[in-house]
């Protein structure tokens, strides 16, 4: 595994995001199927915890970016932050 350039720790997330007092702060992660057959991206809104799940074409950053953009489009006016786990797919 490589080093992620300009990586920021989840511990450095702003206090307002950690407080979970407002809608619009999301957490993203991926779920990889057995034998890497299929992959999903999950997006959980931290306050509600409303969840959006999208299917990935592959496990690369461009597919994740496309899926996240499409999945959150209906909520675009309410997306404030997205925190990822700093996996290589992000």
PDB file of N, CA and C in Angstrom:
ATOM      1  N   UNK A   1       0.835  -1.184   0.000  1.00  0.00           N
ATOM      2  CA  UNK A   1       0.000   0.000   0.000  1.00  0.00           C
ATOM      3  C   UNK A   1       0.876   1.242   0.000  1.00  0.00           C
ATOM      4  N   UNK A   2       0.435   2.237  -0.698  1.00  0.00           N
ATOM      5  CA  UNK A   2       1.183   3.472  -0.774  1.00  0.00           C
ATOM      6  C   UNK A   2       0.748   4.470   0.283  1.00  0.00           C
ATOM      7  N   UNK A   3       1.450   5.576   0.308  1.00  0.00           N
ATOM      8  CA  UNK A   3       1.122   6.664   1.225  1.00  0.00           C
ATOM      9  C   UNK A   3       0.191   7.624   0.504  1.00  0.00           C
ATOM     10  N   UNK A   4      -0.839   8.062   1.187  1.00  0.00           N
ATOM     11  CA  UNK A   4      -1.800   8.989   0.598  1.00  0.00           C
ATOM     12  C   UNK A   4      -1.244  10.400   0.717  1.00  0.00           C
ATOM     13  N   UNK A   5      -1.069  11.102  -0.417  1.00  0.00           N
ATOM     14  CA  UNK A   5      -0.552  12.468  -0.352  1.00  0.00           C
ATOM     15  C   UNK A   5      -1.526  13.398   0.374  1.00  0.00           C
ATOM     16  N   UNK A   6      -1.007  14.303   1.167  1.00  0.00           N
ATOM     17  CA  UNK A   6      -1.793  15.310   1.875  1.00  0.00           C
ATOM     18  C   UNK A   6      -2.885  14.696   2.742  1.00  0.00           C
ATOM     19  N   UNK A   7      -2.627  13.521   3.276  1.00  0.00           N
ATOM     20  CA  UNK A   7      -3.597  12.836   4.126  1.00  0.00           C
ATOM     21  C   UNK A   7      -3.895  13.667   5.364  1.00  0.00           C
ATOM     22  N   UNK A   8      -5.163  13.739   5.727  1.00  0.00           N
ATOM     23  CA  UNK A   8      -5.591  14.425   6.940  1.00  0.00           C
ATOM     24  C   UNK A   8      -6.297  13.400   7.814  1.00  0.00           C
ATOM     25  N   UNK A   9      -5.900  13.305   9.054  1.00  0.00           N
ATOM     26  CA  UNK A   9      -6.487  12.338   9.977  1.00  0.00           C
ATOM     27  C   UNK A   9      -7.938  12.686  10.290  1.00  0.00           C
ATOM     28  N   UNK A  10      -8.751  11.654  10.527  1.00  0.00           N
ATOM     29  CA  UNK A  10     -10.138  11.880  10.935  1.00  0.00           C
ATOM     30  C   UNK A  10     -10.188  12.604  12.276  1.00  0.00           C
ATOM     31  N   UNK A  11      -9.132  12.496  13.064  1.00  0.00           N
ATOM     32  CA  UNK A  11      -9.063  13.193  14.348  1.00  0.00           C
ATOM     33  C   UNK A  11      -8.993  14.706  14.173  1.00  0.00           C
ATOM     34  N   UNK A  12      -8.632  15.156  12.983  1.00  0.00           N
ATOM     35  CA  UNK A  12      -8.516  16.581  12.707  1.00  0.00           C
ATOM     36  C   UNK A  12      -9.798  17.164  12.119  1.00  0.00           C
ATOM     37  N   UNK A  13     -10.852  16.381  12.138  1.00  0.00           N
ATOM     38  CA  UNK A  13     -12.149  16.837  11.643  1.00  0.00           C
ATOM     39  C   UNK A  13     -12.616  18.007  12.511  1.00  0.00           C
ATOM     40  N   UNK A  14     -13.244  19.031  11.928  1.00  0.00           N
ATOM     41  CA  UNK A  14     -13.712  20.177  12.719  1.00  0.00           C
ATOM     42  C   UNK A  14     -14.670  19.758  13.838  1.00  0.00           C
ATOM     43  N   UNK A  15     -14.647  20.478  14.948  1.00  0.00           N
ATOM     44  CA  UNK A  15     -15.488  20.164  16.109  1.00  0.00           C
ATOM     45  C   UNK A  15     -16.969  20.140  15.751  1.00  0.00           C
ATOM     46  N   UNK A  16     -17.410  21.038  14.884  1.00  0.00           N
ATOM     47  CA  UNK A  16     -18.821  21.086  14.486  1.00  0.00           C
ATOM     48  C   UNK A  16     -19.250  19.781  13.822  1.00  0.00           C
ATOM     49  N   UNK A  17     -18.348  19.153  13.094  1.00  0.00           N
ATOM     50  CA  UNK A  17     -18.655  17.876  12.444  1.00  0.00           C
ATOM     51  C   UNK A  17     -18.725  16.767  13.490  1.00  0.00           C
ATOM     52  N   UNK A  18     -17.782  16.750  14.413  1.00  0.00           N
ATOM     53  CA  UNK A  18     -17.780  15.730  15.467  1.00  0.00           C
ATOM     54  C   UNK A  18     -18.999  15.831  16.377  1.00  0.00           C
ATOM     55  N   UNK A  19     -19.546  17.029  16.543  1.00  0.00           N
ATOM     56  CA  UNK A  19     -20.687  17.235  17.437  1.00  0.00           C
ATOM     57  C   UNK A  19     -21.979  16.601  16.916  1.00  0.00           C
ATOM     58  N   UNK A  20     -22.063  16.349  15.624  1.00  0.00           N
ATOM     59  CA  UNK A  20     -23.258  15.743  15.005  1.00  0.00           C
ATOM     60  C   UNK A  20     -24.524  16.546  15.298  1.00  0.00           C
ATOM     61  N   UNK A  21     -24.418  17.864  15.250  1.00  0.00           N
ATOM     62  CA  UNK A  21     -25.567  18.724  15.538  1.00  0.00           C
ATOM     63  C   UNK A  21     -26.232  19.294  14.295  1.00  0.00           C
ATOM     64  N   UNK A  22     -25.649  19.041  13.143  1.00  0.00           N
ATOM     65  CA  UNK A  22     -26.222  19.596  11.921  1.00  0.00           C
ATOM     66  C   UNK A  22     -26.282  18.518  10.845  1.00  0.00           C
ATOM     67  N   UNK A  23     -27.241  18.663   9.960  1.00  0.00           N
ATOM     68  CA  UNK A  23     -27.363  17.761   8.830  1.00  0.00           C
ATOM     69  C   UNK A  23     -26.376  18.194   7.752  1.00  0.00           C
ATOM     70  N   UNK A  24     -25.788  17.231   7.066  1.00  0.00           N
ATOM     71  CA  UNK A  24     -24.945  17.553   5.926  1.00  0.00           C
ATOM     72  C   UNK A  24     -23.505  17.099   6.024  1.00  0.00           C
ATOM     73  N   UNK A  25     -23.143  16.494   7.141  1.00  0.00           N
ATOM     74  CA  UNK A  25     -21.784  15.976   7.302  1.00  0.00           C
ATOM     75  C   UNK A  25     -21.838  14.461   7.109  1.00  0.00           C
ATOM     76  N   UNK A  26     -21.161  13.973   6.075  1.00  0.00           N
ATOM     77  CA  UNK A  26     -21.250  12.577   5.658  1.00  0.00           C
ATOM     78  C   UNK A  26     -19.948  11.837   5.898  1.00  0.00           C
ATOM     79  N   UNK A  27     -20.050  10.514   6.063  1.00  0.00           N
ATOM     80  CA  UNK A  27     -18.880   9.635   6.120  1.00  0.00           C
ATOM     81  C   UNK A  27     -18.997   8.632   4.989  1.00  0.00           C
ATOM     82  N   UNK A  28     -17.899   8.437   4.257  1.00  0.00           N
ATOM     83  CA  UNK A  28     -17.894   7.499   3.147  1.00  0.00           C
ATOM     84  C   UNK A  28     -16.963   6.332   3.393  1.00  0.00           C
ATOM     85  N   UNK A  29     -17.357   5.181   2.886  1.00  0.00           N
ATOM     86  CA  UNK A  29     -16.516   3.990   2.990  1.00  0.00           C
ATOM     87  C   UNK A  29     -16.872   3.064   1.833  1.00  0.00           C
ATOM     88  N   UNK A  30     -16.042   2.070   1.606  1.00  0.00           N
ATOM     89  CA  UNK A  30     -16.331   1.083   0.570  1.00  0.00           C
ATOM     90  C   UNK A  30     -16.509  -0.288   1.205  1.00  0.00           C
ATOM     91  N   UNK A  31     -17.314  -1.094   0.533  1.00  0.00           N
ATOM     92  CA  UNK A  31     -17.527  -2.489   0.923  1.00  0.00           C
ATOM     93  C   UNK A  31     -17.149  -3.317  -0.295  1.00  0.00           C
ATOM     94  N   UNK A  32     -16.162  -4.177  -0.139  1.00  0.00           N
ATOM     95  CA  UNK A  32     -15.661  -4.987  -1.247  1.00  0.00           C
ATOM     96  C   UNK A  32     -16.158  -6.419  -1.087  1.00  0.00           C
ATOM     97  N   UNK A  33     -16.706  -6.978  -2.162  1.00  0.00           N
ATOM     98  CA  UNK A  33     -17.231  -8.338  -2.132  1.00  0.00           C
ATOM     99  C   UNK A  33     -16.141  -9.392  -2.056  1.00  0.00           C
ATOM    100  N   UNK A  34     -16.546 -10.586  -1.692  1.00  0.00           N
ATOM    101  CA  UNK A  34     -15.627 -11.714  -1.594  1.00  0.00           C
ATOM    102  C   UNK A  34     -14.928 -11.923  -2.931  1.00  0.00           C
ATOM    103  N   UNK A  35     -13.619 -12.080  -2.880  1.00  0.00           N
ATOM    104  CA  UNK A  35     -12.846 -12.265  -4.102  1.00  0.00           C
ATOM    105  C   UNK A  35     -12.838 -11.032  -4.994  1.00  0.00           C
ATOM    106  N   UNK A  36     -13.145  -9.876  -4.410  1.00  0.00           N
ATOM    107  CA  UNK A  36     -13.209  -8.601  -5.137  1.00  0.00           C
ATOM    108  C   UNK A  36     -14.234  -8.640  -6.271  1.00  0.00           C
ATOM    109  N   UNK A  37     -15.278  -9.422  -6.081  1.00  0.00           N
ATOM    110  CA  UNK A  37     -16.361  -9.488  -7.073  1.00  0.00           C
ATOM    111  C   UNK A  37     -17.475  -8.563  -6.623  1.00  0.00           C
ATOM    112  N   UNK A  38     -17.412  -7.363  -7.088  1.00  0.00           N
ATOM    113  CA  UNK A  38     -18.411  -6.368  -6.726  1.00  0.00           C
ATOM    114  C   UNK A  38     -17.937  -5.474  -5.599  1.00  0.00           C
ATOM    115  N   UNK A  39     -18.395  -4.241  -5.643  1.00  0.00           N
ATOM    116  CA  UNK A  39     -18.018  -3.269  -4.620  1.00  0.00           C
ATOM    117  C   UNK A  39     -19.123  -2.226  -4.484  1.00  0.00           C
ATOM    118  N   UNK A  40     -19.265  -1.713  -3.272  1.00  0.00           N
ATOM    119  CA  UNK A  40     -20.244  -0.676  -2.969  1.00  0.00           C
ATOM    120  C   UNK A  40     -19.546   0.487  -2.288  1.00  0.00           C
ATOM    121  N   UNK A  41     -20.130   1.659  -2.420  1.00  0.00           N
ATOM    122  CA  UNK A  41     -19.711   2.791  -1.609  1.00  0.00           C
ATOM    123  C   UNK A  41     -20.894   3.123  -0.702  1.00  0.00           C
ATOM    124  N   UNK A  42     -20.602   3.336   0.585  1.00  0.00           N
ATOM    125  CA  UNK A  42     -21.646   3.719   1.531  1.00  0.00           C
ATOM    126  C   UNK A  42     -21.389   5.146   1.989  1.00  0.00           C
ATOM    127  N   UNK A  43     -22.454   5.904   2.107  1.00  0.00           N
ATOM    128  CA  UNK A  43     -22.379   7.286   2.568  1.00  0.00           C
ATOM    129  C   UNK A  43     -23.402   7.442   3.688  1.00  0.00           C
ATOM    130  N   UNK A  44     -22.915   7.735   4.875  1.00  0.00           N
ATOM    131  CA  UNK A  44     -23.783   7.841   6.042  1.00  0.00           C
ATOM    132  C   UNK A  44     -23.776   9.281   6.528  1.00  0.00           C
ATOM    133  N   UNK A  45     -24.958   9.879   6.620  1.00  0.00           N
ATOM    134  CA  UNK A  45     -25.080  11.226   7.161  1.00  0.00           C
ATOM    135  C   UNK A  45     -24.947  11.101   8.681  1.00  0.00           C
ATOM    136  N   UNK A  46     -24.029  11.843   9.267  1.00  0.00           N
ATOM    137  CA  UNK A  46     -23.641  11.627  10.661  1.00  0.00           C
ATOM    138  C   UNK A  46     -24.735  11.941  11.677  1.00  0.00           C
ATOM    139  N   UNK A  47     -25.586  12.893  11.419  1.00  0.00           N
ATOM    140  CA  UNK A  47     -26.606  13.251  12.405  1.00  0.00           C
ATOM    141  C   UNK A  47     -27.807  12.315  12.361  1.00  0.00           C
ATOM    142  N   UNK A  48     -28.261  11.929  11.177  1.00  0.00           N
ATOM    143  CA  UNK A  48     -29.567  11.271  11.052  1.00  0.00           C
ATOM    144  C   UNK A  48     -29.687   9.794  11.453  1.00  0.00           C
ATOM    145  N   UNK A  49     -28.908   8.858  11.205  1.00  0.00           N
ATOM    146  CA  UNK A  49     -27.876   8.512  10.234  1.00  0.00           C
ATOM    147  C   UNK A  49     -28.450   7.910   8.942  1.00  0.00           C
ATOM    148  N   UNK A  50     -28.937   8.752   8.081  1.00  0.00           N
ATOM    149  CA  UNK A  50     -29.450   8.366   6.767  1.00  0.00           C
ATOM    150  C   UNK A  50     -28.289   7.798   5.946  1.00  0.00           C
ATOM    151  N   UNK A  51     -28.544   6.725   5.220  1.00  0.00           N
ATOM    152  CA  UNK A  51     -27.486   6.059   4.461  1.00  0.00           C
ATOM    153  C   UNK A  51     -27.840   5.963   2.989  1.00  0.00           C
ATOM    154  N   UNK A  52     -26.867   6.253   2.142  1.00  0.00           N
ATOM    155  CA  UNK A  52     -26.988   6.110   0.695  1.00  0.00           C
ATOM    156  C   UNK A  52     -25.944   5.077   0.275  1.00  0.00           C
ATOM    157  N   UNK A  53     -26.353   4.136  -0.567  1.00  0.00           N
ATOM    158  CA  UNK A  53     -25.440   3.089  -1.034  1.00  0.00           C
ATOM    159  C   UNK A  53     -25.406   3.112  -2.551  1.00  0.00           C
ATOM    160  N   UNK A  54     -24.206   3.089  -3.114  1.00  0.00           N
ATOM    161  CA  UNK A  54     -24.044   3.071  -4.566  1.00  0.00           C
ATOM    162  C   UNK A  54     -23.161   1.920  -5.004  1.00  0.00           C
ATOM    163  N   UNK A  55     -23.460   1.372  -6.161  1.00  0.00           N
ATOM    164  CA  UNK A  55     -22.679   0.273  -6.728  1.00  0.00           C
ATOM    165  C   UNK A  55     -21.493   0.839  -7.503  1.00  0.00           C
ATOM    166  N   UNK A  56     -20.319   0.238  -7.318  1.00  0.00           N
ATOM    167  CA  UNK A  56     -19.107   0.692  -7.998  1.00  0.00           C
ATOM    168  C   UNK A  56     -18.805  -0.175  -9.212  1.00  0.00           C
ATOM    169  N   UNK A  57     -18.358   0.469 -10.287  1.00  0.00           N
ATOM    170  CA  UNK A  57     -17.924  -0.262 -11.478  1.00  0.00           C
ATOM    171  C   UNK A  57     -16.628  -1.017 -11.192  1.00  0.00           C
ATOM    172  N   UNK A  58     -15.757  -0.391 -10.402  1.00  0.00           N
ATOM    173  CA  UNK A  58     -14.484  -0.976  -9.983  1.00  0.00           C
ATOM    174  C   UNK A  58     -14.030  -0.238  -8.733  1.00  0.00           C
ATOM    175  N   UNK A  59     -12.931  -0.658  -8.139  1.00  0.00           N
ATOM    176  CA  UNK A  59     -12.490  -0.132  -6.845  1.00  0.00           C
ATOM    177  C   UNK A  59     -11.501   1.028  -6.951  1.00  0.00           C
ATOM    178  N   UNK A  60     -11.480   1.711  -8.034  1.00  0.00           N
ATOM    179  CA  UNK A  60     -10.527   2.806  -8.231  1.00  0.00           C
ATOM    180  C   UNK A  60     -11.164   4.143  -7.860  1.00  0.00           C
ATOM    181  N   UNK A  61     -10.309   5.127  -7.612  1.00  0.00           N
ATOM    182  CA  UNK A  61     -10.762   6.435  -7.154  1.00  0.00           C
ATOM    183  C   UNK A  61     -11.754   7.089  -8.105  1.00  0.00           C
ATOM    184  N   UNK A  62     -11.552   6.970  -9.420  1.00  0.00           N
ATOM    185  CA  UNK A  62     -12.462   7.630 -10.356  1.00  0.00           C
ATOM    186  C   UNK A  62     -13.873   7.054 -10.272  1.00  0.00           C
ATOM    187  N   UNK A  63     -13.997   5.744 -10.060  1.00  0.00           N
ATOM    188  CA  UNK A  63     -15.317   5.123  -9.925  1.00  0.00           C
ATOM    189  C   UNK A  63     -15.986   5.556  -8.622  1.00  0.00           C
ATOM    190  N   UNK A  64     -15.195   5.650  -7.551  1.00  0.00           N
ATOM    191  CA  UNK A  64     -15.738   6.092  -6.268  1.00  0.00           C
ATOM    192  C   UNK A  64     -16.217   7.533  -6.383  1.00  0.00           C
ATOM    193  N   UNK A  65     -15.410   8.392  -6.977  1.00  0.00           N
ATOM    194  CA  UNK A  65     -15.772   9.801  -7.145  1.00  0.00           C
ATOM    195  C   UNK A  65     -17.072   9.940  -7.930  1.00  0.00           C
ATOM    196  N   UNK A  66     -17.194   9.203  -9.031  1.00  0.00           N
ATOM    197  CA  UNK A  66     -18.398   9.258  -9.868  1.00  0.00           C
ATOM    198  C   UNK A  66     -19.628   8.783  -9.087  1.00  0.00           C
ATOM    199  N   UNK A  67     -19.499   7.669  -8.379  1.00  0.00           N
ATOM    200  CA  UNK A  67     -20.622   7.114  -7.633  1.00  0.00           C
ATOM    201  C   UNK A  67     -21.049   8.033  -6.492  1.00  0.00           C
ATOM    202  N   UNK A  68     -20.088   8.595  -5.764  1.00  0.00           N
ATOM    203  CA  UNK A  68     -20.406   9.516  -4.670  1.00  0.00           C
ATOM    204  C   UNK A  68     -21.121  10.751  -5.207  1.00  0.00           C
ATOM    205  N   UNK A  69     -20.619  11.304  -6.294  1.00  0.00           N
ATOM    206  CA  UNK A  69     -21.239  12.490  -6.891  1.00  0.00           C
ATOM    207  C   UNK A  69     -22.680  12.207  -7.287  1.00  0.00           C
ATOM    208  N   UNK A  70     -22.911  11.088  -7.957  1.00  0.00           N
ATOM    209  CA  UNK A  70     -24.266  10.731  -8.385  1.00  0.00           C
ATOM    210  C   UNK A  70     -25.176  10.440  -7.190  1.00  0.00           C
ATOM    211  N   UNK A  71     -24.660   9.738  -6.192  1.00  0.00           N
ATOM    212  CA  UNK A  71     -25.475   9.356  -5.040  1.00  0.00           C
ATOM    213  C   UNK A  71     -25.904  10.558  -4.202  1.00  0.00           C
ATOM    214  N   UNK A  72     -25.032  11.557  -4.095  1.00  0.00           N
ATOM    215  CA  UNK A  72     -25.350  12.723  -3.268  1.00  0.00           C
ATOM    216  C   UNK A  72     -25.975  13.874  -4.049  1.00  0.00           C
ATOM    217  N   UNK A  73     -26.121  13.731  -5.356  1.00  0.00           N
ATOM    218  CA  UNK A  73     -26.698  14.800  -6.172  1.00  0.00           C
ATOM    219  C   UNK A  73     -28.066  15.265  -5.652  1.00  0.00           C
ATOM    220  N   UNK A  74     -28.970  14.370  -5.244  1.00  0.00           N
ATOM    221  CA  UNK A  74     -30.264  14.847  -4.734  1.00  0.00           C
ATOM    222  C   UNK A  74     -30.145  15.690  -3.458  1.00  0.00           C
ATOM    223  N   UNK A  75     -29.012  15.606  -2.785  1.00  0.00           N
ATOM    224  CA  UNK A  75     -28.803  16.317  -1.520  1.00  0.00           C
ATOM    225  C   UNK A  75     -27.753  17.418  -1.649  1.00  0.00           C
ATOM    226  N   UNK A  76     -27.412  17.786  -2.871  1.00  0.00           N
ATOM    227  CA  UNK A  76     -26.263  18.670  -3.104  1.00  0.00           C
ATOM    228  C   UNK A  76     -26.331  19.989  -2.341  1.00  0.00           C
ATOM    229  N   UNK A  77     -27.521  20.502  -2.096  1.00  0.00           N
ATOM    230  CA  UNK A  77     -27.642  21.759  -1.356  1.00  0.00           C
ATOM    231  C   UNK A  77     -27.382  21.563   0.137  1.00  0.00           C
ATOM    232  N   UNK A  78     -27.388  20.313   0.593  1.00  0.00           N
ATOM    233  CA  UNK A  78     -27.245  20.022   2.014  1.00  0.00           C
ATOM    234  C   UNK A  78     -25.955  19.284   2.364  1.00  0.00           C
ATOM    235  N   UNK A  79     -25.068  19.079   1.403  1.00  0.00           N
ATOM    236  CA  UNK A  79     -23.795  18.410   1.701  1.00  0.00           C
ATOM    237  C   UNK A  79     -22.793  19.462   2.163  1.00  0.00           C
ATOM    238  N   UNK A  80     -22.333  19.321   3.390  1.00  0.00           N
ATOM    239  CA  UNK A  80     -21.350  20.255   3.944  1.00  0.00           C
ATOM    240  C   UNK A  80     -19.947  19.663   3.887  1.00  0.00           C
ATOM    241  N   UNK A  81     -19.800  18.445   4.403  1.00  0.00           N
ATOM    242  CA  UNK A  81     -18.498  17.784   4.404  1.00  0.00           C
ATOM    243  C   UNK A  81     -18.678  16.302   4.099  1.00  0.00           C
ATOM    244  N   UNK A  82     -17.616  15.694   3.580  1.00  0.00           N
ATOM    245  CA  UNK A  82     -17.562  14.247   3.412  1.00  0.00           C
ATOM    246  C   UNK A  82     -16.219  13.798   3.975  1.00  0.00           C
ATOM    247  N   UNK A  83     -16.260  12.899   4.937  1.00  0.00           N
ATOM    248  CA  UNK A  83     -15.050  12.355   5.538  1.00  0.00           C
ATOM    249  C   UNK A  83     -14.904  10.914   5.081  1.00  0.00           C
ATOM    250  N   UNK A  84     -13.739  10.588   4.556  1.00  0.00           N
ATOM    251  CA  UNK A  84     -13.449   9.224   4.123  1.00  0.00           C
ATOM    252  C   UNK A  84     -12.450   8.599   5.085  1.00  0.00           C
ATOM    253  N   UNK A  85     -12.315   7.291   4.998  1.00  0.00           N
ATOM    254  CA  UNK A  85     -11.392   6.584   5.887  1.00  0.00           C
ATOM    255  C   UNK A  85      -9.949   6.602   5.384  1.00  0.00           C
ATOM    256  N   UNK A  86      -9.677   7.349   4.356  1.00  0.00           N
ATOM    257  CA  UNK A  86      -8.341   7.479   3.770  1.00  0.00           C
ATOM    258  C   UNK A  86      -7.837   6.194   3.132  1.00  0.00           C
ATOM    259  N   UNK A  87      -8.748   5.339   2.706  1.00  0.00           N
ATOM    260  CA  UNK A  87      -8.355   4.163   1.938  1.00  0.00           C
ATOM    261  C   UNK A  87      -7.845   4.601   0.573  1.00  0.00           C
ATOM    262  N   UNK A  88      -7.122   3.749  -0.099  1.00  0.00           N
ATOM    263  CA  UNK A  88      -6.510   4.124  -1.375  1.00  0.00           C
ATOM    264  C   UNK A  88      -7.539   4.414  -2.457  1.00  0.00           C
ATOM    265  N   UNK A  89      -8.742   3.856  -2.346  1.00  0.00           N
ATOM    266  CA  UNK A  89      -9.757   4.109  -3.353  1.00  0.00           C
ATOM    267  C   UNK A  89     -10.250   5.548  -3.322  1.00  0.00           C
ATOM    268  N   UNK A  90      -9.988   6.265  -2.220  1.00  0.00           N
ATOM    269  CA  UNK A  90     -10.394   7.652  -2.124  1.00  0.00           C
ATOM    270  C   UNK A  90      -9.256   8.557  -2.539  1.00  0.00           C
TER     271      UNK A  90
END
